N, C-alpha and C. Protein backbone atom coordinates (compact mmCIF):
# COMPACT_ATOMS: atom_id res chain seq x y z
N ALA A 1 -35.05 2.87 -16.18
CA ALA A 1 -36.31 2.93 -15.58
C ALA A 1 -36.57 4.35 -15.17
N TYR A 2 -37.64 4.77 -14.83
CA TYR A 2 -38.27 6.09 -14.70
C TYR A 2 -37.39 6.80 -13.59
N GLY A 3 -36.59 7.68 -13.08
CA GLY A 3 -36.13 7.81 -12.18
C GLY A 3 -34.66 8.12 -11.69
N LYS A 4 -34.19 7.09 -12.63
CA LYS A 4 -32.93 6.41 -12.29
C LYS A 4 -31.81 6.97 -13.93
N ARG A 5 -30.85 7.15 -13.05
CA ARG A 5 -29.69 7.98 -14.16
C ARG A 5 -29.52 6.62 -14.97
N GLU A 6 -28.97 7.14 -16.42
CA GLU A 6 -28.80 6.27 -17.27
C GLU A 6 -27.84 7.36 -18.34
N GLY A 7 -26.34 6.47 -18.74
CA GLY A 7 -25.55 7.65 -19.49
C GLY A 7 -24.68 8.44 -18.81
N THR A 8 -24.34 9.43 -19.36
CA THR A 8 -23.35 10.22 -18.71
C THR A 8 -23.71 11.74 -17.60
N ALA A 9 -23.40 11.92 -16.73
CA ALA A 9 -23.71 12.94 -16.20
C ALA A 9 -22.38 13.58 -15.87
N THR A 10 -22.88 14.89 -15.98
CA THR A 10 -21.53 16.16 -15.93
C THR A 10 -21.96 16.76 -15.01
N ALA A 11 -21.05 17.14 -13.96
CA ALA A 11 -21.04 18.13 -12.80
C ALA A 11 -20.30 19.45 -13.17
N TRP A 12 -20.72 20.17 -12.80
CA TRP A 12 -19.49 22.09 -12.84
C TRP A 12 -19.76 22.51 -11.64
N THR A 13 -18.78 23.65 -11.09
CA THR A 13 -18.06 24.39 -10.06
C THR A 13 -19.40 25.51 -10.59
N GLN A 14 -19.65 26.20 -9.70
CA GLN A 14 -19.86 27.51 -9.44
C GLN A 14 -19.93 28.51 -10.52
N LYS A 15 -18.45 28.08 -10.78
CA LYS A 15 -17.28 29.18 -11.94
C LYS A 15 -17.67 28.51 -13.63
N GLY A 16 -17.96 27.56 -13.27
CA GLY A 16 -18.33 26.82 -14.89
C GLY A 16 -17.16 25.52 -14.91
N ASP A 17 -16.49 25.35 -14.41
CA ASP A 17 -15.03 24.74 -14.41
C ASP A 17 -15.69 22.96 -14.15
N THR A 18 -15.55 22.10 -15.00
CA THR A 18 -15.64 21.14 -14.74
C THR A 18 -15.61 19.87 -13.56
N LEU A 19 -16.48 19.26 -12.64
CA LEU A 19 -16.40 19.00 -11.07
C LEU A 19 -16.47 17.54 -11.62
N SER A 20 -17.33 16.73 -12.00
CA SER A 20 -16.69 15.56 -12.45
C SER A 20 -17.96 15.28 -13.65
N ILE A 21 -17.30 13.79 -14.12
CA ILE A 21 -17.98 13.28 -15.33
C ILE A 21 -18.57 12.00 -14.81
N TRP A 22 -19.41 11.35 -14.47
CA TRP A 22 -19.74 9.97 -14.21
C TRP A 22 -20.71 9.28 -14.78
N ASN A 23 -20.19 7.85 -15.49
CA ASN A 23 -21.01 6.96 -16.32
C ASN A 23 -22.14 6.01 -15.40
N TYR A 24 -23.54 6.10 -15.57
CA TYR A 24 -24.28 5.41 -15.38
C TYR A 24 -24.87 4.59 -15.78
N LYS A 25 -25.10 3.36 -15.34
CA LYS A 25 -26.42 1.84 -15.53
C LYS A 25 -27.17 1.49 -15.06
N TYR A 26 -28.59 1.71 -15.30
CA TYR A 26 -29.47 1.08 -14.22
C TYR A 26 -29.20 2.19 -12.74
N GLY A 27 -29.05 3.20 -12.90
CA GLY A 27 -29.01 4.28 -11.51
C GLY A 27 -28.29 3.61 -10.94
N MET A 28 -26.82 3.44 -11.36
CA MET A 28 -25.60 2.81 -10.80
C MET A 28 -24.22 3.11 -11.26
N LYS A 29 -23.40 3.72 -10.82
CA LYS A 29 -21.98 3.78 -11.59
C LYS A 29 -21.63 2.93 -12.43
N ASN A 30 -21.68 3.10 -13.49
CA ASN A 30 -20.79 2.23 -14.32
C ASN A 30 -19.92 3.03 -15.49
N GLY A 31 -18.72 1.68 -15.48
CA GLY A 31 -17.34 2.81 -16.37
C GLY A 31 -16.85 3.36 -15.89
N ARG A 32 -15.98 4.29 -16.57
CA ARG A 32 -15.11 5.26 -16.46
C ARG A 32 -15.86 6.59 -15.25
N CYS A 33 -15.00 7.10 -14.25
CA CYS A 33 -16.02 7.86 -13.44
C CYS A 33 -14.95 9.07 -13.32
N THR A 34 -14.91 10.01 -13.59
CA THR A 34 -13.58 11.11 -13.33
C THR A 34 -13.91 12.20 -12.88
N THR A 35 -13.47 12.94 -11.38
CA THR A 35 -13.62 13.63 -10.71
C THR A 35 -12.26 15.13 -10.73
N TRP A 36 -12.78 16.05 -10.79
CA TRP A 36 -11.64 17.06 -10.33
C TRP A 36 -11.64 17.71 -9.18
N ILE A 37 -10.32 17.80 -8.91
CA ILE A 37 -10.76 18.47 -6.66
C ILE A 37 -10.03 19.80 -7.38
N TYR A 38 -11.04 20.58 -6.71
CA TYR A 38 -10.27 22.00 -6.06
C TYR A 38 -9.55 22.99 -5.05
N THR A 39 -9.07 23.06 -4.83
CA THR A 39 -8.70 24.29 -3.61
C THR A 39 -8.58 25.28 -3.70
N ASP A 40 -9.63 26.09 -2.77
CA ASP A 40 -9.89 27.53 -2.86
C ASP A 40 -10.21 27.85 -4.62
N SER A 41 -10.86 26.81 -4.78
CA SER A 41 -11.10 27.63 -6.51
C SER A 41 -10.82 26.88 -7.44
N ILE A 42 -8.59 26.37 -7.05
CA ILE A 42 -7.79 26.25 -7.93
C ILE A 42 -7.79 24.77 -7.79
N LEU A 43 -7.37 24.45 -9.12
CA LEU A 43 -7.77 22.81 -9.51
C LEU A 43 -5.94 22.29 -8.88
N THR A 44 -6.14 21.26 -8.13
CA THR A 44 -5.40 20.78 -7.41
C THR A 44 -5.31 19.55 -7.33
N GLY A 45 -6.58 18.21 -8.30
CA GLY A 45 -6.12 17.12 -8.42
C GLY A 45 -6.96 16.14 -9.44
N ARG A 46 -6.97 15.57 -9.57
CA ARG A 46 -8.08 14.37 -10.41
C ARG A 46 -8.14 13.21 -9.96
N MET A 47 -9.26 12.90 -9.75
CA MET A 47 -9.44 11.48 -9.75
C MET A 47 -10.01 10.73 -11.03
N GLU A 48 -9.31 9.06 -11.04
CA GLU A 48 -10.29 8.87 -11.68
C GLU A 48 -10.63 7.20 -11.73
N GLU A 49 -11.77 6.62 -11.60
CA GLU A 49 -11.68 5.70 -11.59
C GLU A 49 -12.94 4.54 -12.12
N VAL A 50 -12.80 3.33 -11.88
CA VAL A 50 -13.69 2.05 -13.12
C VAL A 50 -14.47 1.67 -12.05
N TYR A 51 -16.03 1.89 -12.18
CA TYR A 51 -17.06 1.44 -11.72
C TYR A 51 -17.77 -0.06 -12.24
N LYS A 52 -18.32 -0.61 -11.31
CA LYS A 52 -19.15 -2.07 -12.09
C LYS A 52 -20.44 -1.61 -11.49
N ALA A 53 -21.39 -1.74 -11.47
CA ALA A 53 -23.05 -1.28 -10.38
C ALA A 53 -22.39 -1.00 -9.60
N ASP A 54 -21.94 -0.09 -9.68
CA ASP A 54 -21.72 0.75 -8.17
C ASP A 54 -20.54 0.32 -7.50
N GLN A 55 -19.77 -0.51 -7.55
CA GLN A 55 -18.70 -0.92 -6.93
C GLN A 55 -17.12 -1.06 -7.76
N PRO A 56 -16.29 -1.03 -7.15
CA PRO A 56 -14.97 -0.29 -7.93
C PRO A 56 -14.69 -1.78 -8.02
N SER A 57 -13.91 -1.18 -9.80
CA SER A 57 -13.79 -2.03 -10.39
C SER A 57 -12.55 -2.13 -11.13
N ASP A 58 -11.61 -2.83 -11.85
CA ASP A 58 -10.45 -2.82 -12.42
C ASP A 58 -9.00 -1.77 -11.78
N SER A 59 -9.87 -0.20 -11.52
CA SER A 59 -8.95 0.52 -10.95
C SER A 59 -9.16 1.57 -10.65
N ALA A 60 -8.10 2.18 -9.52
CA ALA A 60 -8.60 4.07 -9.28
C ALA A 60 -7.43 4.68 -9.36
N LEU A 61 -7.17 5.69 -10.22
CA LEU A 61 -5.80 6.81 -10.62
C LEU A 61 -6.32 8.23 -9.41
N TYR A 62 -5.28 8.32 -8.79
CA TYR A 62 -5.32 9.82 -7.81
C TYR A 62 -3.90 10.62 -8.72
N PHE A 63 -4.08 11.86 -9.06
CA PHE A 63 -3.60 12.51 -9.93
C PHE A 63 -3.33 14.18 -8.93
N VAL A 64 -1.85 14.61 -8.95
CA VAL A 64 -1.49 15.98 -8.36
C VAL A 64 -1.84 16.38 -9.25
N VAL A 65 -2.47 17.72 -9.49
CA VAL A 65 -2.18 18.58 -10.78
C VAL A 65 -1.61 19.85 -10.06
N TYR A 66 -0.49 20.25 -10.90
CA TYR A 66 0.48 21.55 -10.61
C TYR A 66 -0.16 22.91 -11.35
N PRO A 67 0.17 23.98 -10.47
CA PRO A 67 -0.47 25.03 -11.29
C PRO A 67 -0.34 25.39 -12.68
N ASP A 68 1.19 24.85 -13.65
CA ASP A 68 1.17 24.84 -14.68
C ASP A 68 0.24 23.73 -15.86
N GLY A 69 -0.59 23.00 -14.72
CA GLY A 69 -1.57 22.15 -15.54
C GLY A 69 -0.80 20.76 -15.78
N LYS A 70 0.73 20.68 -15.20
CA LYS A 70 0.73 19.22 -15.34
C LYS A 70 0.62 18.08 -14.20
N GLU A 71 0.18 16.79 -14.62
CA GLU A 71 0.04 15.95 -13.74
C GLU A 71 0.91 14.84 -13.49
N ARG A 72 0.79 14.60 -11.67
CA ARG A 72 1.62 13.56 -11.67
C ARG A 72 0.86 12.24 -10.72
N LEU A 73 1.20 11.13 -10.65
CA LEU A 73 0.37 9.90 -10.38
C LEU A 73 0.96 9.87 -8.90
N GLN A 74 -0.13 9.94 -8.04
CA GLN A 74 0.49 9.97 -6.37
C GLN A 74 -0.21 8.72 -6.53
N ASN A 75 -1.08 8.28 -6.46
CA ASN A 75 -1.78 6.48 -5.69
C ASN A 75 -2.34 6.04 -6.76
N ARG A 76 -2.44 4.57 -7.28
CA ARG A 76 -2.97 3.51 -7.80
C ARG A 76 -3.27 2.80 -7.24
N THR A 77 -4.98 2.15 -7.31
CA THR A 77 -5.44 1.05 -6.30
C THR A 77 -5.81 0.02 -7.41
N LEU A 78 -5.56 -1.28 -7.70
CA LEU A 78 -6.31 -1.87 -8.78
C LEU A 78 -7.07 -3.23 -7.93
N TYR A 79 -7.60 -3.64 -8.66
CA TYR A 79 -9.10 -4.69 -8.19
C TYR A 79 -9.21 -5.31 -9.19
N ASP A 80 -9.61 -6.86 -8.31
CA ASP A 80 -10.06 -8.19 -9.02
C ASP A 80 -11.68 -8.18 -9.70
N SER A 81 -11.81 -9.18 -10.13
CA SER A 81 -13.19 -9.41 -10.86
C SER A 81 -14.51 -9.23 -9.46
N ASP A 82 -13.89 -9.56 -8.15
CA ASP A 82 -15.04 -9.49 -7.17
C ASP A 82 -15.08 -7.89 -6.27
N GLY A 83 -14.10 -6.89 -7.14
CA GLY A 83 -13.92 -5.94 -6.33
C GLY A 83 -13.14 -5.96 -4.95
N LYS A 84 -12.30 -6.69 -4.94
CA LYS A 84 -11.58 -6.06 -3.84
C LYS A 84 -9.89 -6.52 -4.48
N ILE A 85 -9.40 -5.20 -3.23
CA ILE A 85 -7.68 -4.85 -3.82
C ILE A 85 -6.60 -5.23 -4.06
N THR A 86 -5.68 -5.53 -4.94
CA THR A 86 -4.63 -6.44 -5.05
C THR A 86 -3.93 -5.73 -5.08
N LEU A 87 -3.74 -4.76 -5.26
CA LEU A 87 -2.60 -3.75 -5.08
C LEU A 87 -3.17 -2.38 -4.86
N ASN A 88 -2.02 -1.87 -4.44
CA ASN A 88 -2.25 -0.29 -4.32
C ASN A 88 -0.58 0.35 -4.07
N ASP A 89 -0.31 1.20 -5.09
CA ASP A 89 0.89 2.49 -5.34
C ASP A 89 0.50 3.56 -4.44
N SER A 90 1.31 4.09 -3.84
CA SER A 90 1.29 5.27 -3.80
C SER A 90 3.20 6.30 -3.69
N TYR A 91 2.57 7.52 -3.92
CA TYR A 91 3.91 7.87 -4.13
C TYR A 91 4.55 9.29 -3.81
N THR A 92 5.16 9.59 -2.77
CA THR A 92 4.84 10.27 -2.09
C THR A 92 7.09 11.12 -1.61
N ASN A 93 6.96 12.13 -2.19
CA ASN A 93 8.45 12.72 -1.85
C ASN A 93 9.28 11.95 -2.71
N ASP A 94 10.62 10.90 -1.81
CA ASP A 94 10.94 10.33 -2.72
C ASP A 94 10.89 8.77 -2.48
N ILE A 95 9.78 8.48 -1.89
CA ILE A 95 9.62 6.62 -1.38
C ILE A 95 8.57 6.71 -2.28
N HIS A 96 8.31 5.83 -2.95
CA HIS A 96 7.42 4.52 -3.62
C HIS A 96 6.80 3.85 -2.66
N TYR A 97 5.69 3.55 -1.64
CA TYR A 97 4.83 2.48 -1.43
C TYR A 97 3.84 1.62 -2.09
N ARG A 98 4.16 0.28 -1.90
CA ARG A 98 3.60 -0.28 -2.48
C ARG A 98 2.85 -2.04 -1.56
N MET A 99 1.68 -1.82 -1.51
CA MET A 99 0.97 -2.86 -0.90
C MET A 99 0.32 -3.94 -1.74
N GLU A 100 0.92 -4.99 -1.67
CA GLU A 100 0.22 -6.23 -2.72
C GLU A 100 -0.24 -7.07 -1.15
N TYR A 101 -1.94 -7.42 -2.19
CA TYR A 101 -2.94 -8.26 -1.39
C TYR A 101 -2.85 -9.63 -2.46
N GLU A 102 -2.63 -10.82 -1.68
CA GLU A 102 -2.97 -11.98 -2.05
C GLU A 102 -3.64 -13.32 -0.76
N ASP A 103 -4.75 -13.47 -0.79
CA ASP A 103 -5.19 -14.62 -0.23
C ASP A 103 -5.19 -14.38 1.40
N GLY A 104 -5.51 -12.96 1.58
CA GLY A 104 -5.43 -12.43 3.00
C GLY A 104 -4.37 -11.91 3.38
N ILE A 105 -3.48 -12.26 2.35
CA ILE A 105 -1.55 -11.74 3.18
C ILE A 105 -1.49 -10.28 2.72
N LEU A 106 -1.21 -9.62 3.01
CA LEU A 106 -0.50 -8.19 2.53
C LEU A 106 1.08 -8.23 2.51
N ALA A 107 1.32 -7.32 1.56
CA ALA A 107 3.21 -7.77 1.23
C ALA A 107 3.53 -6.06 1.55
N PHE A 108 3.76 -5.53 1.85
CA PHE A 108 4.40 -3.99 1.69
C PHE A 108 5.19 -3.78 1.27
N ILE A 109 5.55 -2.73 0.60
CA ILE A 109 7.12 -2.95 0.06
C ILE A 109 6.86 -1.13 -0.17
N SER A 110 8.02 -0.59 -0.02
CA SER A 110 8.59 0.87 0.03
C SER A 110 9.87 1.15 -0.87
N LEU A 111 10.38 1.92 -1.64
CA LEU A 111 11.28 1.66 -2.64
C LEU A 111 11.85 3.37 -2.50
N PHE A 112 13.48 3.69 -2.80
CA PHE A 112 13.46 5.13 -3.37
C PHE A 112 13.47 5.34 -4.69
N THR A 113 13.41 6.37 -5.15
CA THR A 113 12.80 7.13 -6.35
C THR A 113 13.94 6.42 -7.47
N ASP A 114 15.09 5.95 -6.76
CA ASP A 114 16.37 5.37 -7.88
C ASP A 114 15.66 3.55 -7.80
N GLY A 115 14.55 3.17 -7.52
CA GLY A 115 13.76 2.13 -7.57
C GLY A 115 14.88 0.59 -6.40
N ARG A 116 15.94 1.03 -5.33
CA ARG A 116 15.88 0.65 -4.66
C ARG A 116 15.00 -0.18 -3.21
N LEU A 117 15.32 -0.71 -2.80
CA LEU A 117 14.15 -1.05 -1.49
C LEU A 117 14.60 -0.04 -0.60
N SER A 118 13.42 0.47 0.20
CA SER A 118 13.78 0.93 1.72
C SER A 118 13.83 0.14 2.57
N SER A 119 12.51 -0.78 2.26
CA SER A 119 11.57 -1.76 3.14
C SER A 119 10.72 -2.80 2.62
N THR A 120 10.65 -4.13 3.64
CA THR A 120 9.20 -5.00 2.91
C THR A 120 8.79 -4.93 4.12
N ALA A 121 7.61 -5.70 4.14
CA ALA A 121 6.83 -6.36 5.71
C ALA A 121 5.77 -7.09 5.09
N GLN A 122 5.28 -7.71 5.76
CA GLN A 122 4.02 -8.52 5.78
C GLN A 122 3.10 -8.55 6.80
N TYR A 123 1.66 -9.09 6.11
CA TYR A 123 0.26 -8.74 7.18
C TYR A 123 -0.35 -9.18 6.94
N LYS A 124 -0.78 -10.03 7.69
CA LYS A 124 -2.18 -10.75 8.05
C LYS A 124 -3.18 -10.34 9.20
N ASP A 125 -4.71 -10.12 8.37
CA ASP A 125 -5.42 -9.64 9.31
C ASP A 125 -5.16 -7.91 10.17
N ASN A 126 -4.63 -7.44 9.25
CA ASN A 126 -4.16 -6.16 9.75
C ASN A 126 -2.97 -6.49 10.71
N GLN A 127 -2.54 -7.02 10.88
CA GLN A 127 -1.34 -7.31 11.92
C GLN A 127 -0.46 -7.76 11.36
N ALA A 128 0.71 -7.27 12.12
CA ALA A 128 2.48 -7.64 11.20
C ALA A 128 2.69 -8.90 11.28
N ASN A 129 3.22 -9.86 10.05
CA ASN A 129 2.99 -11.17 10.34
C ASN A 129 4.28 -11.43 9.64
N GLY A 130 5.12 -11.88 9.92
CA GLY A 130 6.38 -12.62 9.11
C GLY A 130 7.12 -11.67 9.31
N LYS A 131 8.62 -11.45 8.28
CA LYS A 131 9.56 -10.80 8.42
C LYS A 131 9.44 -9.65 7.63
N THR A 132 9.57 -8.41 8.73
CA THR A 132 9.81 -7.03 8.29
C THR A 132 11.75 -7.12 7.58
N VAL A 133 11.96 -6.16 6.96
CA VAL A 133 13.44 -6.26 6.37
C VAL A 133 13.57 -4.77 6.32
N MET A 134 14.86 -3.94 6.18
CA MET A 134 15.08 -1.99 6.18
C MET A 134 16.76 -2.40 5.41
N TYR A 135 16.46 -1.60 4.79
CA TYR A 135 17.94 -1.39 3.75
C TYR A 135 18.36 -0.18 4.39
N TYR A 136 19.93 0.13 4.51
CA TYR A 136 20.58 0.92 4.25
C TYR A 136 20.56 1.80 3.10
N PRO A 137 19.95 3.45 3.11
CA PRO A 137 19.90 4.27 2.56
C PRO A 137 20.72 4.21 1.48
N GLY A 138 19.97 4.09 0.27
CA GLY A 138 21.29 4.15 -1.21
C GLY A 138 22.06 3.11 -1.46
N THR A 139 21.99 1.76 -0.90
CA THR A 139 22.22 0.54 -0.94
C THR A 139 21.17 -0.35 -1.26
N ASP A 140 22.00 -1.62 -1.29
CA ASP A 140 20.74 -3.20 -1.72
C ASP A 140 21.12 -4.06 -0.21
N ARG A 141 22.39 -3.18 0.68
CA ARG A 141 22.07 -3.77 2.07
C ARG A 141 21.22 -3.64 2.90
N ILE A 142 21.50 -4.72 3.41
CA ILE A 142 19.86 -4.86 5.00
C ILE A 142 21.16 -4.46 6.03
N TYR A 143 19.92 -2.97 6.54
CA TYR A 143 20.44 -2.86 7.51
C TYR A 143 19.74 -3.73 9.19
N LYS A 144 18.22 -4.29 9.11
CA LYS A 144 17.40 -4.65 10.17
C LYS A 144 16.81 -5.50 9.09
N VAL A 145 16.26 -6.53 10.44
CA VAL A 145 15.34 -7.57 10.06
C VAL A 145 14.69 -7.78 11.50
N GLU A 146 13.00 -8.31 11.07
CA GLU A 146 12.32 -8.28 12.55
C GLU A 146 11.74 -9.30 12.13
N ILE A 147 11.16 -10.01 13.18
CA ILE A 147 10.42 -11.13 12.99
C ILE A 147 8.94 -10.78 13.74
N TYR A 148 7.51 -11.07 13.25
CA TYR A 148 6.56 -10.67 13.68
C TYR A 148 5.77 -12.06 13.86
N ARG A 149 4.65 -12.22 15.11
CA ARG A 149 4.04 -13.24 14.54
C ARG A 149 2.88 -12.55 15.23
N LYS A 150 1.71 -12.25 14.04
CA LYS A 150 0.32 -12.02 15.12
C LYS A 150 0.27 -10.44 15.51
N GLY A 151 1.46 -9.61 14.78
CA GLY A 151 1.60 -8.27 15.54
C GLY A 151 2.50 -8.19 16.36
N ARG A 152 2.97 -8.87 17.02
CA ARG A 152 3.72 -9.17 17.97
C ARG A 152 5.55 -9.59 17.63
N LEU A 153 6.33 -8.57 18.03
CA LEU A 153 7.29 -8.82 17.78
C LEU A 153 8.64 -9.75 18.22
N MET A 154 9.22 -10.87 17.95
CA MET A 154 9.58 -11.83 18.44
C MET A 154 11.05 -11.76 18.24
N GLY A 155 11.79 -11.33 17.81
CA GLY A 155 12.73 -11.00 17.21
C GLY A 155 13.51 -10.45 16.08
N SER A 156 14.43 -10.07 16.27
CA SER A 156 15.76 -8.75 14.87
C SER A 156 16.75 -9.18 15.12
N VAL A 157 17.51 -8.94 13.87
CA VAL A 157 18.79 -8.66 14.00
C VAL A 157 19.35 -7.48 13.04
N GLU A 158 20.43 -6.86 13.74
CA GLU A 158 20.53 -6.06 12.90
C GLU A 158 22.01 -6.35 11.79
N TYR A 159 22.65 -5.17 11.02
CA TYR A 159 23.79 -5.67 10.37
C TYR A 159 24.67 -4.30 10.49
N ASP A 160 25.95 -4.56 9.94
CA ASP A 160 26.72 -3.23 9.94
C ASP A 160 26.51 -3.42 8.36
N ILE A 161 27.47 -2.05 7.78
CA ILE A 161 27.06 -1.80 6.07
C ILE A 161 27.74 -2.48 5.26
N GLU A 162 28.16 -3.81 5.91
CA GLU A 162 29.00 -4.56 5.69
C GLU A 162 28.26 -5.85 4.81
N GLY A 163 27.46 -5.77 5.82
CA GLY A 163 26.49 -7.50 5.74
C GLY A 163 26.64 -8.09 6.85
N LEU A 164 27.58 -7.68 8.13
CA LEU A 164 27.72 -9.16 8.67
C LEU A 164 26.74 -8.34 9.92
N PRO A 165 26.49 -9.45 10.95
CA PRO A 165 25.20 -9.26 11.78
C PRO A 165 25.82 -8.71 12.72
N ARG A 166 25.10 -7.35 13.95
CA ARG A 166 26.19 -6.91 14.45
C ARG A 166 25.22 -6.95 16.25
N SER A 167 24.05 -7.82 16.37
CA SER A 167 23.45 -7.66 17.14
C SER A 167 21.93 -8.44 16.94
N TYR A 168 21.72 -9.59 17.62
CA TYR A 168 20.66 -10.37 18.14
C TYR A 168 19.77 -10.36 19.23
N LYS A 169 18.53 -10.05 18.32
CA LYS A 169 17.51 -10.07 19.72
C LYS A 169 16.43 -10.93 19.57
N VAL A 170 15.79 -11.35 21.09
CA VAL A 170 14.46 -11.88 20.81
C VAL A 170 13.94 -11.88 21.85
N LEU A 171 12.24 -12.24 22.11
CA LEU A 171 11.40 -11.75 22.37
C LEU A 171 11.82 -13.04 23.46
N GLU A 172 11.53 -12.58 25.06
CA GLU A 172 11.45 -13.30 26.19
C GLU A 172 10.59 -13.35 27.20
N GLU A 173 10.40 -14.33 28.18
CA GLU A 173 9.16 -14.25 28.99
C GLU A 173 8.84 -13.04 29.84
N ASP A 174 9.52 -12.08 30.05
CA ASP A 174 8.88 -10.80 30.50
C ASP A 174 8.59 -9.87 29.47
N GLY A 175 8.33 -10.26 28.34
CA GLY A 175 7.76 -9.56 27.47
C GLY A 175 8.72 -8.02 26.58
N GLN A 176 9.96 -8.40 26.68
CA GLN A 176 10.89 -7.58 26.62
C GLN A 176 12.26 -8.32 25.19
N LEU A 177 12.45 -7.25 24.75
CA LEU A 177 13.27 -7.73 23.63
C LEU A 177 14.85 -8.36 24.30
N HIS A 178 15.48 -8.96 24.59
CA HIS A 178 16.70 -9.40 24.72
C HIS A 178 17.88 -9.41 24.16
N PRO A 179 19.26 -9.22 24.21
CA PRO A 179 19.85 -9.88 23.38
C PRO A 179 20.30 -11.17 23.23
N CYS A 180 20.71 -11.86 22.83
CA CYS A 180 21.03 -13.25 22.76
C CYS A 180 21.96 -13.88 21.07
N ASP A 181 22.36 -15.11 21.19
CA ASP A 181 23.26 -15.20 20.44
C ASP A 181 22.31 -15.55 19.12
N SER A 182 23.81 -16.32 17.71
CA SER A 182 22.72 -16.21 16.35
C SER A 182 22.27 -17.77 16.04
N SER A 183 22.38 -18.51 17.28
CA SER A 183 21.17 -20.26 16.83
C SER A 183 20.54 -20.02 17.73
N THR A 184 20.13 -19.13 18.71
CA THR A 184 19.06 -18.53 19.02
C THR A 184 18.02 -17.94 18.39
N TYR A 185 18.20 -16.67 17.87
CA TYR A 185 17.49 -16.32 16.81
C TYR A 185 17.41 -16.99 15.76
N GLU A 186 18.06 -17.97 14.81
CA GLU A 186 17.97 -18.39 14.10
C GLU A 186 17.05 -19.80 14.02
N ASN A 187 16.74 -20.38 15.69
CA ASN A 187 15.63 -21.04 16.05
C ASN A 187 14.62 -20.55 15.54
N LEU A 188 14.27 -19.45 16.02
CA LEU A 188 12.71 -18.48 15.91
C LEU A 188 12.52 -18.47 13.80
N LEU A 189 13.72 -18.31 13.12
CA LEU A 189 13.41 -18.32 11.71
C LEU A 189 12.64 -19.83 11.36
N LEU A 190 13.45 -20.45 12.10
CA LEU A 190 13.05 -22.40 11.77
C LEU A 190 11.19 -22.27 11.43
N ILE A 191 10.43 -21.74 12.85
CA ILE A 191 9.40 -22.05 12.48
C ILE A 191 8.30 -20.93 11.32
N ASP A 192 7.63 -21.70 10.33
CA ASP A 192 6.71 -21.17 9.41
C ASP A 192 5.81 -20.18 10.02
N VAL A 193 5.86 -19.02 10.10
CA VAL A 193 5.09 -17.93 10.48
C VAL A 193 3.64 -18.35 10.14
N HIS A 194 3.28 -18.48 8.74
CA HIS A 194 1.68 -18.82 7.92
C HIS A 194 1.46 -19.97 8.55
N GLN A 195 2.10 -21.34 8.49
CA GLN A 195 1.51 -22.34 8.42
C GLN A 195 1.40 -22.65 10.07
N LYS A 196 1.76 -22.09 10.94
CA LYS A 196 1.62 -22.04 12.38
C LYS A 196 0.36 -21.06 12.74
N ILE A 197 0.31 -19.92 12.12
CA ILE A 197 -1.00 -19.61 11.90
C ILE A 197 -2.35 -20.15 12.09
N GLU A 198 -2.08 -20.90 10.75
CA GLU A 198 -3.26 -21.68 10.32
C GLU A 198 -3.89 -22.89 11.35
N LYS A 199 -2.63 -23.14 11.60
CA LYS A 199 -2.83 -24.60 12.55
C LYS A 199 -4.13 -24.07 13.62
């Protein structure tokens, strides 16, 4: 229609470098859209997104661009058919962070570059909910487990490098974590966090 963008639109910087290439349909972003990021006129990043009727669709990728022109993926976001985020990967220094979304539950995972787990956590309604597990660097051995309900830390257990529990703590009436024995902590684990919240 008159006045609505249709097809491919390209924009350039004042120096003539490509700034963006976006695709339109019925005046809305549709298909692959690429944007180049400049810092002090130097190319430092590239964003590649897929849209459907102006809404994020399929994926969004962000690449860091180095002075030699090489690129490194720094962030990846995947979307379902309704435009909701299902997965987000980000890469910072030696850690790979992953967030997976399903039925309102967020699973947060961080990994070292060698693929070993750094930590895992679960969230619901933007609050820590369930188990958070931390690992000794360079190993597959658990350092600490924390139990959360609706963002509140309910209990924890720490392990030595051999995998033996060395301390247990639970939340008491004064709102503080206090040392406890293993049976008290294990009773905390018998409650299914997600089922309890749904009731």
